Amino acid sequence: MSQNVDADSLAADLMVSIKLLVRRVRQLQTGDELTLPETAALARLDREGPATASALARMEQISPQSMGATIAALQSRGLITRKPDPGDGRRVLLSPTAA
């Protein structure tokens, strides 16, 4: 039982620390840097290859609307491209650029 209490306490402390870290990272960002969601999405595409926006949202565990904003920001910076899926012309695949 004491192990569960210790694990619960540790998990709570870790959550507080993570929130503080995220807040601090956001404070340090300048307008030119990628946001955390942009960095995560770009890294995922780089590691796993082309994906649809909905698949990327599922992998990153965020809403499709949030992923749409993330994709728009990455595309406006020239960091990703959109191409039709060769297997299904209705779908669009996102890929990182060489930039």
PDB file of N, CA and C in Angstrom:
ATOM      1  N   MET A   1       0.817  -1.186   0.000  1.00  0.00           N
ATOM      2  CA  MET A   1       0.000   0.000   0.000  1.00  0.00           C
ATOM      3  C   MET A   1       0.868   1.259   0.000  1.00  0.00           C
ATOM      4  N   SER A   2       1.969   1.267   0.763  1.00  0.00           N
ATOM      5  CA  SER A   2       2.833   2.444   0.799  1.00  0.00           C
ATOM      6  C   SER A   2       3.480   2.692  -0.561  1.00  0.00           C
ATOM      7  N   GLN A   3       3.707   1.627  -1.337  1.00  0.00           N
ATOM      8  CA  GLN A   3       4.261   1.818  -2.676  1.00  0.00           C
ATOM      9  C   GLN A   3       3.273   2.561  -3.565  1.00  0.00           C
ATOM     10  N   ASN A   4       1.978   2.263  -3.458  1.00  0.00           N
ATOM     11  CA  ASN A   4       0.975   2.973  -4.248  1.00  0.00           C
ATOM     12  C   ASN A   4       0.907   4.442  -3.866  1.00  0.00           C
ATOM     13  N   VAL A   5       0.952   4.722  -2.576  1.00  0.00           N
ATOM     14  CA  VAL A   5       0.925   6.105  -2.115  1.00  0.00           C
ATOM     15  C   VAL A   5       2.160   6.831  -2.618  1.00  0.00           C
ATOM     16  N   ASP A   6       3.309   6.206  -2.537  1.00  0.00           N
ATOM     17  CA  ASP A   6       4.543   6.816  -3.024  1.00  0.00           C
ATOM     18  C   ASP A   6       4.467   7.055  -4.525  1.00  0.00           C
ATOM     19  N   ALA A   7       3.937   6.097  -5.275  1.00  0.00           N
ATOM     20  CA  ALA A   7       3.813   6.246  -6.725  1.00  0.00           C
ATOM     21  C   ALA A   7       2.838   7.366  -7.068  1.00  0.00           C
ATOM     22  N   ASP A   8       1.726   7.439  -6.345  1.00  0.00           N
ATOM     23  CA  ASP A   8       0.754   8.510  -6.585  1.00  0.00           C
ATOM     24  C   ASP A   8       1.352   9.874  -6.268  1.00  0.00           C
ATOM     25  N   SER A   9       2.081   9.961  -5.187  1.00  0.00           N
ATOM     26  CA  SER A   9       2.724  11.212  -4.802  1.00  0.00           C
ATOM     27  C   SER A   9       3.780  11.614  -5.827  1.00  0.00           C
ATOM     28  N   LEU A  10       4.546  10.650  -6.271  1.00  0.00           N
ATOM     29  CA  LEU A  10       5.570  10.907  -7.279  1.00  0.00           C
ATOM     30  C   LEU A  10       4.941  11.372  -8.589  1.00  0.00           C
ATOM     31  N   ALA A  11       3.849  10.731  -8.990  1.00  0.00           N
ATOM     32  CA  ALA A  11       3.158  11.114 -10.220  1.00  0.00           C
ATOM     33  C   ALA A  11       2.629  12.544 -10.120  1.00  0.00           C
ATOM     34  N   ALA A  12       2.067  12.905  -8.982  1.00  0.00           N
ATOM     35  CA  ALA A  12       1.553  14.262  -8.785  1.00  0.00           C
ATOM     36  C   ALA A  12       2.687  15.285  -8.837  1.00  0.00           C
ATOM     37  N   ASP A  13       3.799  14.978  -8.192  1.00  0.00           N
ATOM     38  CA  ASP A  13       4.959  15.874  -8.222  1.00  0.00           C
ATOM     39  C   ASP A  13       5.498  16.027  -9.642  1.00  0.00           C
ATOM     40  N   LEU A  14       5.524  14.935 -10.379  1.00  0.00           N
ATOM     41  CA  LEU A  14       6.010  14.964 -11.756  1.00  0.00           C
ATOM     42  C   LEU A  14       5.109  15.831 -12.630  1.00  0.00           C
ATOM     43  N   MET A  15       3.799  15.720 -12.461  1.00  0.00           N
ATOM     44  CA  MET A  15       2.860  16.534 -13.238  1.00  0.00           C
ATOM     45  C   MET A  15       3.082  18.023 -12.974  1.00  0.00           C
ATOM     46  N   VAL A  16       3.276  18.392 -11.735  1.00  0.00           N
ATOM     47  CA  VAL A  16       3.528  19.796 -11.394  1.00  0.00           C
ATOM     48  C   VAL A  16       4.823  20.259 -12.053  1.00  0.00           C
ATOM     49  N   SER A  17       5.854  19.441 -11.996  1.00  0.00           N
ATOM     50  CA  SER A  17       7.145  19.794 -12.592  1.00  0.00           C
ATOM     51  C   SER A  17       7.036  19.955 -14.102  1.00  0.00           C
ATOM     52  N   ILE A  18       6.299  19.068 -14.745  1.00  0.00           N
ATOM     53  CA  ILE A  18       6.130  19.147 -16.195  1.00  0.00           C
ATOM     54  C   ILE A  18       5.395  20.428 -16.573  1.00  0.00           C
ATOM     55  N   LYS A  19       4.347  20.761 -15.845  1.00  0.00           N
ATOM     56  CA  LYS A  19       3.601  21.990 -16.135  1.00  0.00           C
ATOM     57  C   LYS A  19       4.487  23.218 -15.976  1.00  0.00           C
ATOM     58  N   LEU A  20       5.311  23.235 -14.941  1.00  0.00           N
ATOM     59  CA  LEU A  20       6.227  24.355 -14.742  1.00  0.00           C
ATOM     60  C   LEU A  20       7.261  24.429 -15.861  1.00  0.00           C
ATOM     61  N   LEU A  21       7.761  23.288 -16.292  1.00  0.00           N
ATOM     62  CA  LEU A  21       8.737  23.248 -17.376  1.00  0.00           C
ATOM     63  C   LEU A  21       8.128  23.759 -18.673  1.00  0.00           C
ATOM     64  N   VAL A  22       6.934  23.307 -19.002  1.00  0.00           N
ATOM     65  CA  VAL A  22       6.265  23.754 -20.227  1.00  0.00           C
ATOM     66  C   VAL A  22       6.036  25.261 -20.179  1.00  0.00           C
ATOM     67  N   ARG A  23       5.595  25.765 -19.044  1.00  0.00           N
ATOM     68  CA  ARG A  23       5.378  27.206 -18.896  1.00  0.00           C
ATOM     69  C   ARG A  23       6.684  27.964 -19.120  1.00  0.00           C
ATOM     70  N   ARG A  24       7.765  27.467 -18.557  1.00  0.00           N
ATOM     71  CA  ARG A  24       9.071  28.135 -18.698  1.00  0.00           C
ATOM     72  C   ARG A  24       9.562  28.105 -20.145  1.00  0.00           C
ATOM     73  N   VAL A  25       9.392  26.981 -20.815  1.00  0.00           N
ATOM     74  CA  VAL A  25       9.796  26.877 -22.221  1.00  0.00           C
ATOM     75  C   VAL A  25       9.017  27.883 -23.057  1.00  0.00           C
ATOM     76  N   ARG A  26       7.730  28.003 -22.803  1.00  0.00           N
ATOM     77  CA  ARG A  26       6.906  28.964 -23.553  1.00  0.00           C
ATOM     78  C   ARG A  26       7.366  30.393 -23.301  1.00  0.00           C
ATOM     79  N   GLN A  27       7.778  30.703 -22.088  1.00  0.00           N
ATOM     80  CA  GLN A  27       8.257  32.046 -21.772  1.00  0.00           C
ATOM     81  C   GLN A  27       9.547  32.360 -22.518  1.00  0.00           C
ATOM     82  N   LEU A  28      10.367  31.355 -22.727  1.00  0.00           N
ATOM     83  CA  LEU A  28      11.667  31.558 -23.365  1.00  0.00           C
ATOM     84  C   LEU A  28      11.591  31.620 -24.884  1.00  0.00           C
ATOM     85  N   GLN A  29      10.483  31.168 -25.450  1.00  0.00           N
ATOM     86  CA  GLN A  29      10.373  31.140 -26.900  1.00  0.00           C
ATOM     87  C   GLN A  29      10.259  32.551 -27.460  1.00  0.00           C
ATOM     88  N   THR A  30      10.957  32.767 -28.569  1.00  0.00           N
ATOM     89  CA  THR A  30      10.782  34.010 -29.310  1.00  0.00           C
ATOM     90  C   THR A  30       9.781  33.724 -30.419  1.00  0.00           C
ATOM     91  N   GLY A  31       9.377  34.732 -31.122  1.00  0.00           N
ATOM     92  CA  GLY A  31       8.382  34.559 -32.171  1.00  0.00           C
ATOM     93  C   GLY A  31       8.839  33.696 -33.331  1.00  0.00           C
ATOM     94  N   ASP A  32      10.141  33.488 -33.492  1.00  0.00           N
ATOM     95  CA  ASP A  32      10.657  32.747 -34.634  1.00  0.00           C
ATOM     96  C   ASP A  32      10.787  31.251 -34.393  1.00  0.00           C
ATOM     97  N   GLU A  33      10.651  30.812 -33.158  1.00  0.00           N
ATOM     98  CA  GLU A  33      10.859  29.400 -32.842  1.00  0.00           C
ATOM     99  C   GLU A  33       9.576  28.606 -33.032  1.00  0.00           C
ATOM    100  N   LEU A  34       9.747  27.314 -33.267  1.00  0.00           N
ATOM    101  CA  LEU A  34       8.598  26.424 -33.378  1.00  0.00           C
ATOM    102  C   LEU A  34       7.968  26.219 -32.008  1.00  0.00           C
ATOM    103  N   THR A  35       6.653  26.061 -31.991  1.00  0.00           N
ATOM    104  CA  THR A  35       5.970  25.727 -30.747  1.00  0.00           C
ATOM    105  C   THR A  35       6.207  24.251 -30.437  1.00  0.00           C
ATOM    106  N   LEU A  36       5.860  23.844 -29.235  1.00  0.00           N
ATOM    107  CA  LEU A  36       6.014  22.430 -28.877  1.00  0.00           C
ATOM    108  C   LEU A  36       5.190  21.520 -29.789  1.00  0.00           C
ATOM    109  N   PRO A  37       3.911  21.841 -30.082  1.00  0.00           N
ATOM    110  CA  PRO A  37       3.159  20.976 -30.998  1.00  0.00           C
ATOM    111  C   PRO A  37       3.753  20.938 -32.409  1.00  0.00           C
ATOM    112  N   GLU A  38       4.266  22.069 -32.888  1.00  0.00           N
ATOM    113  CA  GLU A  38       4.889  22.090 -34.214  1.00  0.00           C
ATOM    114  C   GLU A  38       6.136  21.219 -34.241  1.00  0.00           C
ATOM    115  N   THR A  39       6.943  21.329 -33.206  1.00  0.00           N
ATOM    116  CA  THR A  39       8.153  20.510 -33.113  1.00  0.00           C
ATOM    117  C   THR A  39       7.810  19.030 -33.062  1.00  0.00           C
ATOM    118  N   ALA A  40       6.806  18.674 -32.268  1.00  0.00           N
ATOM    119  CA  ALA A  40       6.404  17.269 -32.130  1.00  0.00           C
ATOM    120  C   ALA A  40       5.871  16.713 -33.444  1.00  0.00           C
ATOM    121  N   ALA A  41       5.023  17.480 -34.127  1.00  0.00           N
ATOM    122  CA  ALA A  41       4.449  17.010 -35.394  1.00  0.00           C
ATOM    123  C   ALA A  41       5.533  16.851 -36.454  1.00  0.00           C
ATOM    124  N   LEU A  42       6.422  17.819 -36.548  1.00  0.00           N
ATOM    125  CA  LEU A  42       7.498  17.751 -37.534  1.00  0.00           C
ATOM    126  C   LEU A  42       8.429  16.577 -37.248  1.00  0.00           C
ATOM    127  N   ALA A  43       8.754  16.358 -35.996  1.00  0.00           N
ATOM    128  CA  ALA A  43       9.616  15.227 -35.623  1.00  0.00           C
ATOM    129  C   ALA A  43       8.938  13.902 -35.949  1.00  0.00           C
ATOM    130  N   ARG A  44       7.634  13.813 -35.704  1.00  0.00           N
ATOM    131  CA  ARG A  44       6.895  12.579 -35.999  1.00  0.00           C
ATOM    132  C   ARG A  44       6.917  12.297 -37.499  1.00  0.00           C
ATOM    133  N   LEU A  45       6.681  13.310 -38.324  1.00  0.00           N
ATOM    134  CA  LEU A  45       6.715  13.124 -39.778  1.00  0.00           C
ATOM    135  C   LEU A  45       8.113  12.729 -40.240  1.00  0.00           C
ATOM    136  N   ASP A  46       9.123  13.316 -39.634  1.00  0.00           N
ATOM    137  CA  ASP A  46      10.502  12.994 -40.000  1.00  0.00           C
ATOM    138  C   ASP A  46      10.846  11.553 -39.644  1.00  0.00           C
ATOM    139  N   ARG A  47      10.392  11.091 -38.482  1.00  0.00           N
ATOM    140  CA  ARG A  47      10.682   9.725 -38.021  1.00  0.00           C
ATOM    141  C   ARG A  47       9.876   8.675 -38.767  1.00  0.00           C
ATOM    142  N   GLU A  48       8.579   8.937 -38.948  1.00  0.00           N
ATOM    143  CA  GLU A  48       7.675   7.894 -39.425  1.00  0.00           C
ATOM    144  C   GLU A  48       7.236   8.048 -40.867  1.00  0.00           C
ATOM    145  N   GLY A  49       7.615   9.139 -41.505  1.00  0.00           N
ATOM    146  CA  GLY A  49       7.261   9.323 -42.902  1.00  0.00           C
ATOM    147  C   GLY A  49       5.922  10.010 -43.089  1.00  0.00           C
ATOM    148  N   PRO A  50       5.496  10.144 -44.348  1.00  0.00           N
ATOM    149  CA  PRO A  50       4.268  10.867 -44.664  1.00  0.00           C
ATOM    150  C   PRO A  50       3.055  10.327 -43.912  1.00  0.00           C
ATOM    151  N   ALA A  51       2.152  11.244 -43.561  1.00  0.00           N
ATOM    152  CA  ALA A  51       0.928  10.874 -42.847  1.00  0.00           C
ATOM    153  C   ALA A  51      -0.161  11.875 -43.183  1.00  0.00           C
ATOM    154  N   THR A  52      -1.402  11.469 -43.006  1.00  0.00           N
ATOM    155  CA  THR A  52      -2.519  12.397 -43.159  1.00  0.00           C
ATOM    156  C   THR A  52      -2.616  13.253 -41.898  1.00  0.00           C
ATOM    157  N   ALA A  53      -3.329  14.351 -42.014  1.00  0.00           N
ATOM    158  CA  ALA A  53      -3.515  15.230 -40.856  1.00  0.00           C
ATOM    159  C   ALA A  53      -4.252  14.507 -39.737  1.00  0.00           C
ATOM    160  N   SER A  54      -5.265  13.727 -40.096  1.00  0.00           N
ATOM    161  CA  SER A  54      -6.026  13.022 -39.053  1.00  0.00           C
ATOM    162  C   SER A  54      -5.178  11.954 -38.377  1.00  0.00           C
ATOM    163  N   ALA A  55      -4.355  11.248 -39.145  1.00  0.00           N
ATOM    164  CA  ALA A  55      -3.476  10.237 -38.547  1.00  0.00           C
ATOM    165  C   ALA A  55      -2.444  10.900 -37.636  1.00  0.00           C
ATOM    166  N   LEU A  56      -1.923  12.025 -38.070  1.00  0.00           N
ATOM    167  CA  LEU A  56      -0.935  12.746 -37.263  1.00  0.00           C
ATOM    168  C   LEU A  56      -1.568  13.251 -35.961  1.00  0.00           C
ATOM    169  N   ALA A  57      -2.799  13.735 -36.043  1.00  0.00           N
ATOM    170  CA  ALA A  57      -3.505  14.183 -34.834  1.00  0.00           C
ATOM    171  C   ALA A  57      -3.698  13.025 -33.862  1.00  0.00           C
ATOM    172  N   ARG A  58      -4.070  11.859 -34.382  1.00  0.00           N
ATOM    173  CA  ARG A  58      -4.236  10.682 -33.513  1.00  0.00           C
ATOM    174  C   ARG A  58      -2.914  10.289 -32.868  1.00  0.00           C
ATOM    175  N   MET A  59      -1.841  10.265 -33.657  1.00  0.00           N
ATOM    176  CA  MET A  59      -0.534   9.880 -33.117  1.00  0.00           C
ATOM    177  C   MET A  59      -0.066  10.842 -32.030  1.00  0.00           C
ATOM    178  N   GLU A  60      -0.346  12.124 -32.224  1.00  0.00           N
ATOM    179  CA  GLU A  60       0.082  13.144 -31.259  1.00  0.00           C
ATOM    180  C   GLU A  60      -0.944  13.353 -30.151  1.00  0.00           C
ATOM    181  N   GLN A  61      -2.069  12.680 -30.261  1.00  0.00           N
ATOM    182  CA  GLN A  61      -3.135  12.736 -29.263  1.00  0.00           C
ATOM    183  C   GLN A  61      -3.635  14.159 -29.031  1.00  0.00           C
ATOM    184  N   ILE A  62      -3.906  14.845 -30.149  1.00  0.00           N
ATOM    185  CA  ILE A  62      -4.519  16.166 -30.078  1.00  0.00           C
ATOM    186  C   ILE A  62      -5.716  16.188 -31.017  1.00  0.00           C
ATOM    187  N   SER A  63      -6.541  17.207 -30.905  1.00  0.00           N
ATOM    188  CA  SER A  63      -7.741  17.293 -31.738  1.00  0.00           C
ATOM    189  C   SER A  63      -7.354  17.595 -33.187  1.00  0.00           C
ATOM    190  N   PRO A  64      -8.196  17.171 -34.130  1.00  0.00           N
ATOM    191  CA  PRO A  64      -7.930  17.500 -35.536  1.00  0.00           C
ATOM    192  C   PRO A  64      -7.849  19.013 -35.765  1.00  0.00           C
ATOM    193  N   GLN A  65      -8.638  19.791 -35.027  1.00  0.00           N
ATOM    194  CA  GLN A  65      -8.604  21.245 -35.170  1.00  0.00           C
ATOM    195  C   GLN A  65      -7.253  21.813 -34.746  1.00  0.00           C
ATOM    196  N   SER A  66      -6.726  21.325 -33.639  1.00  0.00           N
ATOM    197  CA  SER A  66      -5.408  21.778 -33.183  1.00  0.00           C
ATOM    198  C   SER A  66      -4.328  21.372 -34.171  1.00  0.00           C
ATOM    199  N   MET A  67      -4.435  20.157 -34.705  1.00  0.00           N
ATOM    200  CA  MET A  67      -3.453  19.712 -35.688  1.00  0.00           C
ATOM    201  C   MET A  67      -3.552  20.551 -36.951  1.00  0.00           C
ATOM    202  N   GLY A  68      -4.755  20.957 -37.326  1.00  0.00           N
ATOM    203  CA  GLY A  68      -4.920  21.815 -38.499  1.00  0.00           C
ATOM    204  C   GLY A  68      -4.160  23.122 -38.345  1.00  0.00           C
ATOM    205  N   ALA A  69      -4.241  23.726 -37.174  1.00  0.00           N
ATOM    206  CA  ALA A  69      -3.506  24.967 -36.911  1.00  0.00           C
ATOM    207  C   ALA A  69      -2.000  24.721 -36.928  1.00  0.00           C
ATOM    208  N   THR A  70      -1.586  23.602 -36.376  1.00  0.00           N
ATOM    209  CA  THR A  70      -0.164  23.247 -36.356  1.00  0.00           C
ATOM    210  C   THR A  70       0.355  23.050 -37.773  1.00  0.00           C
ATOM    211  N   ILE A  71      -0.405  22.329 -38.582  1.00  0.00           N
ATOM    212  CA  ILE A  71      -0.014  22.067 -39.971  1.00  0.00           C
ATOM    213  C   ILE A  71       0.054  23.369 -40.761  1.00  0.00           C
ATOM    214  N   ALA A  72      -0.927  24.251 -40.565  1.00  0.00           N
ATOM    215  CA  ALA A  72      -0.932  25.531 -41.275  1.00  0.00           C
ATOM    216  C   ALA A  72       0.325  26.337 -40.943  1.00  0.00           C
ATOM    217  N   ALA A  73       0.710  26.342 -39.676  1.00  0.00           N
ATOM    218  CA  ALA A  73       1.913  27.075 -39.268  1.00  0.00           C
ATOM    219  C   ALA A  73       3.165  26.467 -39.892  1.00  0.00           C
ATOM    220  N   LEU A  74       3.250  25.143 -39.885  1.00  0.00           N
ATOM    221  CA  LEU A  74       4.419  24.476 -40.473  1.00  0.00           C
ATOM    222  C   LEU A  74       4.483  24.707 -41.978  1.00  0.00           C
ATOM    223  N   GLN A  75       3.330  24.667 -42.636  1.00  0.00           N
ATOM    224  CA  GLN A  75       3.307  24.871 -44.079  1.00  0.00           C
ATOM    225  C   GLN A  75       3.666  26.314 -44.429  1.00  0.00           C
ATOM    226  N   SER A  76       3.203  27.273 -43.641  1.00  0.00           N
ATOM    227  CA  SER A  76       3.517  28.678 -43.922  1.00  0.00           C
ATOM    228  C   SER A  76       5.012  28.963 -43.768  1.00  0.00           C
ATOM    229  N   ARG A  77       5.690  28.188 -42.963  1.00  0.00           N
ATOM    230  CA  ARG A  77       7.147  28.325 -42.788  1.00  0.00           C
ATOM    231  C   ARG A  77       7.925  27.510 -43.822  1.00  0.00           C
ATOM    232  N   GLY A  78       7.206  26.762 -44.658  1.00  0.00           N
ATOM    233  CA  GLY A  78       7.866  25.948 -45.675  1.00  0.00           C
ATOM    234  C   GLY A  78       8.503  24.690 -45.123  1.00  0.00           C
ATOM    235  N   LEU A  79       8.017  24.206 -43.980  1.00  0.00           N
ATOM    236  CA  LEU A  79       8.626  23.036 -43.341  1.00  0.00           C
ATOM    237  C   LEU A  79       7.943  21.720 -43.692  1.00  0.00           C
ATOM    238  N   ILE A  80       6.727  21.788 -44.241  1.00  0.00           N
ATOM    239  CA  ILE A  80       6.044  20.571 -44.691  1.00  0.00           C
ATOM    240  C   ILE A  80       5.388  20.835 -46.039  1.00  0.00           C
ATOM    241  N   THR A  81       5.132  19.750 -46.757  1.00  0.00           N
ATOM    242  CA  THR A  81       4.408  19.833 -48.021  1.00  0.00           C
ATOM    243  C   THR A  81       3.177  18.952 -47.944  1.00  0.00           C
ATOM    244  N   ARG A  82       2.208  19.274 -48.779  1.00  0.00           N
ATOM    245  CA  ARG A  82       0.989  18.473 -48.913  1.00  0.00           C
ATOM    246  C   ARG A  82       0.982  17.896 -50.317  1.00  0.00           C
ATOM    247  N   LYS A  83       0.789  16.577 -50.412  1.00  0.00           N
ATOM    248  CA  LYS A  83       0.719  15.913 -51.719  1.00  0.00           C
ATOM    249  C   LYS A  83      -0.425  14.912 -51.695  1.00  0.00           C
ATOM    250  N   PRO A  84      -1.087  14.725 -52.845  1.00  0.00           N
ATOM    251  CA  PRO A  84      -2.153  13.720 -52.891  1.00  0.00           C
ATOM    252  C   PRO A  84      -1.602  12.326 -52.594  1.00  0.00           C
ATOM    253  N   ASP A  85      -2.383  11.543 -51.890  1.00  0.00           N
ATOM    254  CA  ASP A  85      -2.024  10.150 -51.605  1.00  0.00           C
ATOM    255  C   ASP A  85      -2.134   9.372 -52.910  1.00  0.00           C
ATOM    256  N   PRO A  86      -1.049   8.725 -53.364  1.00  0.00           N
ATOM    257  CA  PRO A  86      -1.112   7.985 -54.629  1.00  0.00           C
ATOM    258  C   PRO A  86      -2.123   6.838 -54.598  1.00  0.00           C
ATOM    259  N   GLY A  87      -2.403   6.308 -53.430  1.00  0.00           N
ATOM    260  CA  GLY A  87      -3.345   5.199 -53.314  1.00  0.00           C
ATOM    261  C   GLY A  87      -4.790   5.634 -53.161  1.00  0.00           C
ATOM    262  N   ASP A  88      -5.016   6.888 -52.770  1.00  0.00           N
ATOM    263  CA  ASP A  88      -6.366   7.402 -52.554  1.00  0.00           C
ATOM    264  C   ASP A  88      -6.325   8.910 -52.775  1.00  0.00           C
ATOM    265  N   GLY A  89      -6.719   9.331 -53.949  1.00  0.00           N
ATOM    266  CA  GLY A  89      -6.632  10.731 -54.340  1.00  0.00           C
ATOM    267  C   GLY A  89      -7.422  11.683 -53.466  1.00  0.00           C
ATOM    268  N   ARG A  90      -8.329  11.174 -52.649  1.00  0.00           N
ATOM    269  CA  ARG A  90      -9.104  12.042 -51.755  1.00  0.00           C
ATOM    270  C   ARG A  90      -8.291  12.458 -50.538  1.00  0.00           C
ATOM    271  N   ARG A  91      -7.261  11.699 -50.221  1.00  0.00           N
ATOM    272  CA  ARG A  91      -6.450  11.975 -49.027  1.00  0.00           C
ATOM    273  C   ARG A  91      -5.223  12.795 -49.394  1.00  0.00           C
ATOM    274  N   VAL A  92      -4.757  13.557 -48.425  1.00  0.00           N
ATOM    275  CA  VAL A  92      -3.552  14.373 -48.597  1.00  0.00           C
ATOM    276  C   VAL A  92      -2.516  13.902 -47.595  1.00  0.00           C
ATOM    277  N   LEU A  93      -1.304  13.656 -48.091  1.00  0.00           N
ATOM    278  CA  LEU A  93      -0.202  13.231 -47.224  1.00  0.00           C
ATOM    279  C   LEU A  93       0.701  14.418 -46.910  1.00  0.00           C
ATOM    280  N   LEU A  94       1.087  14.513 -45.669  1.00  0.00           N
ATOM    281  CA  LEU A  94       2.003  15.555 -45.209  1.00  0.00           C
ATOM    282  C   LEU A  94       3.401  14.971 -45.106  1.00  0.00           C
ATOM    283  N   SER A  95       4.379  15.729 -45.572  1.00  0.00           N
ATOM    284  CA  SER A  95       5.779  15.286 -45.503  1.00  0.00           C
ATOM    285  C   SER A  95       6.653  16.464 -45.105  1.00  0.00           C
ATOM    286  N   PRO A  96       7.747  16.195 -44.392  1.00  0.00           N
ATOM    287  CA  PRO A  96       8.672  17.289 -44.075  1.00  0.00           C
ATOM    288  C   PRO A  96       9.460  17.683 -45.321  1.00  0.00           C
ATOM    289  N   THR A  97       9.812  18.948 -45.415  1.00  0.00           N
ATOM    290  CA  THR A  97      10.652  19.407 -46.520  1.00  0.00           C
ATOM    291  C   THR A  97      12.116  19.283 -46.102  1.00  0.00           C
ATOM    292  N   ALA A  98      12.999  19.611 -47.015  1.00  0.00           N
ATOM    293  CA  ALA A  98      14.431  19.556 -46.716  1.00  0.00           C
ATOM    294  C   ALA A  98      14.874  20.747 -45.864  1.00  0.00           C
ATOM    295  N   ALA A  99      14.019  21.764 -45.739  1.00  0.00           N
ATOM    296  CA  ALA A  99      14.388  22.996 -45.009  1.00  0.00           C
ATOM    297  C   ALA A  99      14.662  22.784 -43.566  1.00  0.00           C
TER     298      ALA A  99
END
